[in-house]
Every structure is written in C-alpha cells, then in structure tokens.
C-alpha cells in the first residue's frame, strides 16, 4: 500500500493520497489493503491486487470535472486493470449524497 502511495505522492505532490480511511477528505485517493493470491507459477511469488479509490466530491454531475481530473492524473501513474464508477460514503458527515468515485484495480507481483 505504501509503495503505491509513495509512487502517487511523487508524481502528484499536490494531491491528497491516503492509506488510512480515517484520513479521507475529498477529493483524494485511498489505497486499500490488497487481496493476495498465490499465482501457482514456476516464478513463485504472490500477486497483490489493490483497490484504489479515487474519490471526488459529493453531489450531482456538476462536480464530475473534479473527479475526472483526479482520475486522469492517477491513470497516468498507475497500471490499472479495471476502473469502475462507484458511490463512496465518507462517514456520517457525507450528508445525503455519496461522493462520486472510481474503484481502480491494480496488480503487483512479489
């Protein structure tokens, strides 16, 4: 998680990049713990599949440009295998509208 966060912070120093959900303040990027799989190959090692949430603002489509800009910046840095639009709830203070977001999937081998 910290390697992905460090790569994003290096390339996007003006953006908020967090690995602890308690530190989420939109707009930001949250890197969640990985799913770990044994690839069962001769190379050995494990495959780590990370969920990276790109979190925009709450509300209607008027705020989509904020999410789109942050998403484009993240996509320029990380090798992504899947990107899905998702609503993101940020605690009880999020109000009635969820934040707009994208759940990105990225794979790392070790």
N, C-alpha and C. Protein backbone atom coordinates (compact mmCIF):
# COMPACT_ATOMS: atom_id res chain seq x y z
N UNK A 1 0.83 -1.19 0.00
CA UNK A 1 0.00 0.00 0.00
C UNK A 1 0.87 1.25 0.00
N UNK A 2 1.89 1.21 0.84
CA UNK A 2 2.75 2.40 0.96
C UNK A 2 3.57 2.65 -0.31
N UNK A 3 3.94 1.57 -1.03
CA UNK A 3 4.66 1.75 -2.29
C UNK A 3 3.79 2.45 -3.33
N UNK A 4 2.54 2.06 -3.41
CA UNK A 4 1.63 2.71 -4.34
C UNK A 4 1.40 4.15 -3.93
N UNK A 5 1.20 4.37 -2.63
CA UNK A 5 1.00 5.73 -2.13
C UNK A 5 2.23 6.59 -2.42
N UNK A 6 3.41 6.04 -2.21
CA UNK A 6 4.64 6.80 -2.46
C UNK A 6 4.79 7.15 -3.93
N UNK A 7 4.45 6.21 -4.82
CA UNK A 7 4.52 6.49 -6.26
C UNK A 7 3.56 7.61 -6.65
N UNK A 8 2.35 7.56 -6.10
CA UNK A 8 1.37 8.62 -6.40
C UNK A 8 1.79 9.95 -5.81
N UNK A 9 2.30 9.94 -4.58
CA UNK A 9 2.72 11.21 -3.95
C UNK A 9 3.88 11.85 -4.72
N UNK A 10 4.78 11.01 -5.24
CA UNK A 10 5.92 11.53 -6.00
C UNK A 10 5.45 12.23 -7.28
N UNK A 11 4.51 11.60 -7.98
CA UNK A 11 4.03 12.14 -9.25
C UNK A 11 2.93 13.19 -9.10
N UNK A 12 2.20 13.12 -7.98
CA UNK A 12 1.06 14.03 -7.77
C UNK A 12 1.20 14.72 -6.41
N UNK A 13 2.25 15.53 -6.23
CA UNK A 13 2.52 16.10 -4.90
C UNK A 13 1.44 17.03 -4.36
N UNK A 14 0.60 17.56 -5.23
CA UNK A 14 -0.45 18.48 -4.79
C UNK A 14 -1.73 17.75 -4.38
N UNK A 15 -1.77 16.44 -4.59
CA UNK A 15 -2.98 15.66 -4.32
C UNK A 15 -2.89 14.96 -2.97
N UNK A 16 -4.03 14.75 -2.36
CA UNK A 16 -4.13 14.03 -1.09
C UNK A 16 -4.19 12.54 -1.39
N UNK A 17 -3.19 11.79 -0.91
CA UNK A 17 -3.09 10.34 -1.11
C UNK A 17 -3.04 9.71 0.27
N UNK A 18 -3.98 8.82 0.60
CA UNK A 18 -4.04 8.24 1.95
C UNK A 18 -4.15 6.72 1.88
N UNK A 19 -3.70 6.08 2.97
CA UNK A 19 -3.85 4.63 3.12
C UNK A 19 -4.72 4.29 4.33
N UNK A 20 -5.14 5.30 5.04
CA UNK A 20 -5.99 5.12 6.22
C UNK A 20 -7.33 5.79 5.95
N UNK A 21 -8.43 5.02 5.94
CA UNK A 21 -9.73 5.62 5.62
C UNK A 21 -10.16 6.72 6.58
N UNK A 22 -9.58 6.75 7.76
CA UNK A 22 -9.92 7.83 8.71
C UNK A 22 -9.39 9.17 8.24
N UNK A 23 -8.46 9.17 7.28
CA UNK A 23 -7.85 10.40 6.79
C UNK A 23 -8.44 10.88 5.46
N UNK A 24 -9.54 10.29 5.04
CA UNK A 24 -10.16 10.67 3.76
C UNK A 24 -10.81 12.03 3.88
N UNK A 25 -10.38 12.92 3.00
CA UNK A 25 -11.01 14.23 2.80
C UNK A 25 -11.07 14.44 1.29
N UNK A 26 -12.26 14.46 0.74
CA UNK A 26 -12.42 14.56 -0.71
C UNK A 26 -12.05 15.94 -1.23
N UNK A 27 -11.50 15.99 -2.42
CA UNK A 27 -11.11 14.90 -3.30
C UNK A 27 -9.76 14.30 -2.86
N UNK A 28 -9.64 12.99 -3.01
CA UNK A 28 -8.40 12.32 -2.62
C UNK A 28 -8.35 10.93 -3.24
N UNK A 29 -7.25 10.23 -2.95
CA UNK A 29 -7.06 8.85 -3.38
C UNK A 29 -6.82 8.02 -2.14
N UNK A 30 -7.56 6.91 -2.00
CA UNK A 30 -7.42 5.99 -0.88
C UNK A 30 -6.95 4.64 -1.41
N UNK A 31 -5.82 4.15 -0.89
CA UNK A 31 -5.32 2.83 -1.26
C UNK A 31 -5.70 1.87 -0.14
N UNK A 32 -6.49 0.85 -0.49
CA UNK A 32 -6.95 -0.14 0.47
C UNK A 32 -6.00 -1.34 0.50
N UNK A 33 -6.06 -2.16 1.57
CA UNK A 33 -5.22 -3.36 1.64
C UNK A 33 -5.52 -4.29 0.46
N UNK A 34 -4.52 -5.07 0.05
CA UNK A 34 -4.68 -5.91 -1.13
C UNK A 34 -5.35 -7.25 -0.86
N UNK A 35 -5.87 -7.81 -1.94
CA UNK A 35 -6.21 -9.22 -1.99
C UNK A 35 -4.91 -9.92 -2.42
N UNK A 36 -4.54 -10.99 -1.74
CA UNK A 36 -3.27 -11.66 -2.03
C UNK A 36 -3.57 -13.04 -2.60
N UNK A 37 -2.95 -13.33 -3.74
CA UNK A 37 -3.15 -14.62 -4.39
C UNK A 37 -1.80 -15.25 -4.70
N UNK A 38 -1.73 -16.57 -4.55
CA UNK A 38 -0.58 -17.34 -4.99
C UNK A 38 -0.79 -17.63 -6.47
N UNK A 39 0.08 -17.14 -7.35
CA UNK A 39 -0.17 -17.32 -8.79
C UNK A 39 0.07 -18.75 -9.29
N UNK A 40 0.62 -19.62 -8.46
CA UNK A 40 0.87 -21.01 -8.86
C UNK A 40 1.68 -21.10 -10.15
N UNK A 41 2.73 -20.31 -10.23
CA UNK A 41 3.59 -20.35 -11.40
C UNK A 41 4.98 -20.80 -10.99
N UNK A 42 5.80 -21.12 -11.95
CA UNK A 42 7.18 -21.51 -11.67
C UNK A 42 8.00 -20.35 -11.14
N UNK A 43 7.56 -19.13 -11.40
CA UNK A 43 8.29 -17.94 -10.94
C UNK A 43 8.14 -17.73 -9.44
N UNK A 44 7.13 -18.35 -8.84
CA UNK A 44 6.90 -18.16 -7.41
C UNK A 44 6.33 -16.78 -7.13
N UNK A 45 6.36 -16.40 -5.89
CA UNK A 45 5.87 -15.09 -5.50
C UNK A 45 4.36 -15.05 -5.36
N UNK A 46 3.89 -13.90 -5.00
CA UNK A 46 2.46 -13.69 -4.80
C UNK A 46 1.99 -12.55 -5.68
N UNK A 47 0.70 -12.55 -6.00
CA UNK A 47 0.08 -11.45 -6.73
C UNK A 47 -0.76 -10.67 -5.75
N UNK A 48 -0.51 -9.38 -5.69
CA UNK A 48 -1.26 -8.48 -4.82
C UNK A 48 -2.18 -7.64 -5.69
N UNK A 49 -3.47 -7.72 -5.41
CA UNK A 49 -4.45 -6.96 -6.17
C UNK A 49 -4.99 -5.86 -5.26
N UNK A 50 -4.69 -4.62 -5.61
CA UNK A 50 -5.06 -3.48 -4.78
C UNK A 50 -6.30 -2.78 -5.32
N UNK A 51 -7.16 -2.36 -4.39
CA UNK A 51 -8.27 -1.49 -4.71
C UNK A 51 -7.84 -0.07 -4.37
N UNK A 52 -7.88 0.78 -5.38
CA UNK A 52 -7.53 2.19 -5.21
C UNK A 52 -8.80 2.99 -5.48
N UNK A 53 -9.25 3.74 -4.48
CA UNK A 53 -10.44 4.57 -4.66
C UNK A 53 -10.03 5.99 -4.98
N UNK A 54 -10.49 6.47 -6.12
CA UNK A 54 -10.32 7.87 -6.50
C UNK A 54 -11.63 8.53 -6.11
N UNK A 55 -11.57 9.42 -5.13
CA UNK A 55 -12.78 9.98 -4.53
C UNK A 55 -12.94 11.45 -4.91
N UNK A 56 -14.08 11.73 -5.53
CA UNK A 56 -14.40 13.10 -5.89
C UNK A 56 -15.32 13.72 -4.85
N UNK A 57 -16.07 14.69 -5.27
CA UNK A 57 -16.96 15.42 -4.37
C UNK A 57 -18.35 14.78 -4.34
N UNK A 58 -19.11 15.12 -3.34
CA UNK A 58 -20.49 14.65 -3.23
C UNK A 58 -21.38 15.47 -4.15
N UNK A 59 -22.47 14.86 -4.60
CA UNK A 59 -23.45 15.63 -5.35
C UNK A 59 -23.62 15.18 -6.78
N UNK A 60 -24.28 16.00 -7.51
CA UNK A 60 -24.67 15.69 -8.88
C UNK A 60 -23.52 15.89 -9.87
N UNK A 61 -23.83 15.74 -11.13
CA UNK A 61 -22.84 15.80 -12.19
C UNK A 61 -22.07 17.09 -12.33
N UNK A 62 -22.50 18.15 -11.68
CA UNK A 62 -21.79 19.42 -11.77
C UNK A 62 -20.36 19.32 -11.24
N UNK A 63 -20.12 18.32 -10.37
CA UNK A 63 -18.80 18.15 -9.78
C UNK A 63 -17.96 17.08 -10.48
N UNK A 64 -18.45 16.54 -11.59
CA UNK A 64 -17.73 15.47 -12.28
C UNK A 64 -16.35 15.88 -12.76
N UNK A 65 -16.16 17.14 -13.09
CA UNK A 65 -14.85 17.57 -13.59
C UNK A 65 -13.76 17.39 -12.54
N UNK A 66 -14.09 17.53 -11.26
CA UNK A 66 -13.11 17.35 -10.19
C UNK A 66 -12.65 15.89 -10.16
N UNK A 67 -13.59 14.97 -10.23
CA UNK A 67 -13.27 13.54 -10.25
C UNK A 67 -12.52 13.18 -11.52
N UNK A 68 -12.98 13.67 -12.66
CA UNK A 68 -12.35 13.34 -13.94
C UNK A 68 -10.90 13.78 -13.99
N UNK A 69 -10.61 14.95 -13.46
CA UNK A 69 -9.24 15.46 -13.45
C UNK A 69 -8.34 14.59 -12.57
N UNK A 70 -8.80 14.27 -11.37
CA UNK A 70 -8.02 13.44 -10.46
C UNK A 70 -7.84 12.03 -11.04
N UNK A 71 -8.89 11.47 -11.60
CA UNK A 71 -8.82 10.14 -12.20
C UNK A 71 -7.79 10.12 -13.33
N UNK A 72 -7.80 11.10 -14.20
CA UNK A 72 -6.84 11.16 -15.31
C UNK A 72 -5.40 11.20 -14.79
N UNK A 73 -5.16 11.95 -13.73
CA UNK A 73 -3.82 12.04 -13.16
C UNK A 73 -3.37 10.69 -12.60
N UNK A 74 -4.27 10.00 -11.89
CA UNK A 74 -3.93 8.69 -11.31
C UNK A 74 -3.68 7.67 -12.42
N UNK A 75 -4.50 7.69 -13.46
CA UNK A 75 -4.34 6.73 -14.56
C UNK A 75 -3.02 6.92 -15.29
N UNK A 76 -2.46 8.13 -15.25
CA UNK A 76 -1.15 8.38 -15.86
C UNK A 76 -0.01 7.77 -15.04
N UNK A 77 -0.27 7.44 -13.77
CA UNK A 77 0.78 6.95 -12.88
C UNK A 77 0.71 5.44 -12.66
N UNK A 78 -0.49 4.92 -12.45
CA UNK A 78 -0.65 3.50 -12.08
C UNK A 78 -1.05 2.63 -13.26
N UNK A 79 -0.53 1.39 -13.29
CA UNK A 79 -1.02 0.42 -14.28
C UNK A 79 -2.34 -0.17 -13.78
N UNK A 80 -3.41 0.15 -14.45
CA UNK A 80 -4.75 -0.23 -13.99
C UNK A 80 -5.30 -1.35 -14.87
N UNK A 81 -5.93 -2.35 -14.23
CA UNK A 81 -6.56 -3.43 -14.98
C UNK A 81 -8.06 -3.25 -15.08
N UNK A 82 -8.65 -2.43 -14.20
CA UNK A 82 -10.08 -2.20 -14.20
C UNK A 82 -10.39 -0.88 -13.52
N UNK A 83 -11.36 -0.14 -14.04
CA UNK A 83 -11.83 1.10 -13.42
C UNK A 83 -13.35 1.09 -13.45
N UNK A 84 -13.98 1.19 -12.27
CA UNK A 84 -15.43 1.14 -12.17
C UNK A 84 -15.95 2.36 -11.41
N UNK A 85 -16.98 3.04 -11.92
CA UNK A 85 -17.57 4.14 -11.16
C UNK A 85 -18.32 3.58 -9.95
N UNK A 86 -18.14 4.22 -8.80
CA UNK A 86 -18.80 3.76 -7.56
C UNK A 86 -19.18 4.97 -6.71
N UNK A 87 -20.28 4.85 -5.95
CA UNK A 87 -20.56 5.86 -4.93
C UNK A 87 -19.68 5.55 -3.72
N UNK A 88 -19.20 6.59 -3.05
CA UNK A 88 -18.33 6.42 -1.89
C UNK A 88 -18.94 7.17 -0.72
N UNK A 89 -19.22 6.44 0.36
CA UNK A 89 -19.73 7.04 1.59
C UNK A 89 -18.54 7.41 2.47
N UNK A 90 -18.50 8.65 2.90
CA UNK A 90 -17.42 9.11 3.78
C UNK A 90 -18.01 9.43 5.14
N UNK A 91 -18.23 8.42 5.93
CA UNK A 91 -18.72 8.60 7.29
C UNK A 91 -20.07 9.28 7.35
N UNK A 92 -20.54 9.55 8.56
CA UNK A 92 -21.86 10.16 8.73
C UNK A 92 -21.92 11.61 8.27
N UNK A 93 -20.76 12.24 8.10
CA UNK A 93 -20.75 13.65 7.70
C UNK A 93 -20.93 13.82 6.20
N UNK A 94 -21.08 12.71 5.45
CA UNK A 94 -21.16 12.84 4.00
C UNK A 94 -22.50 13.40 3.53
N UNK A 95 -23.48 13.46 4.41
CA UNK A 95 -24.77 14.01 4.02
C UNK A 95 -25.60 12.98 3.29
N UNK A 96 -26.54 13.45 2.50
CA UNK A 96 -27.45 12.53 1.82
C UNK A 96 -26.88 12.02 0.50
N UNK A 97 -26.00 12.75 -0.12
CA UNK A 97 -25.42 12.33 -1.40
C UNK A 97 -24.05 11.70 -1.16
N UNK A 98 -23.81 10.51 -1.74
CA UNK A 98 -22.48 9.93 -1.64
C UNK A 98 -21.50 10.71 -2.52
N UNK A 99 -20.23 10.54 -2.23
CA UNK A 99 -19.21 11.13 -3.09
C UNK A 99 -19.11 10.30 -4.37
N UNK A 100 -18.78 10.97 -5.45
CA UNK A 100 -18.54 10.28 -6.70
C UNK A 100 -17.14 9.67 -6.63
N UNK A 101 -16.97 8.51 -7.22
CA UNK A 101 -15.66 7.89 -7.16
C UNK A 101 -15.46 6.86 -8.24
N UNK A 102 -14.22 6.39 -8.31
CA UNK A 102 -13.85 5.27 -9.17
C UNK A 102 -13.06 4.29 -8.34
N UNK A 103 -13.41 3.02 -8.48
CA UNK A 103 -12.64 1.94 -7.86
C UNK A 103 -11.73 1.40 -8.94
N UNK A 104 -10.42 1.57 -8.72
CA UNK A 104 -9.42 1.08 -9.67
C UNK A 104 -8.81 -0.20 -9.13
N UNK A 105 -8.48 -1.10 -10.02
CA UNK A 105 -7.79 -2.33 -9.63
C UNK A 105 -6.41 -2.30 -10.27
N UNK A 106 -5.40 -2.54 -9.45
CA UNK A 106 -4.03 -2.61 -9.95
C UNK A 106 -3.37 -3.84 -9.34
N UNK A 107 -2.56 -4.53 -10.12
CA UNK A 107 -1.89 -5.74 -9.66
C UNK A 107 -0.40 -5.51 -9.49
N UNK A 108 0.16 -6.08 -8.44
CA UNK A 108 1.59 -6.02 -8.17
C UNK A 108 2.07 -7.43 -7.87
N UNK A 109 3.21 -7.79 -8.37
CA UNK A 109 3.78 -9.13 -8.11
C UNK A 109 4.95 -8.99 -7.16
N UNK A 110 5.11 -10.04 -6.33
CA UNK A 110 6.29 -10.07 -5.44
C UNK A 110 6.83 -11.48 -5.42
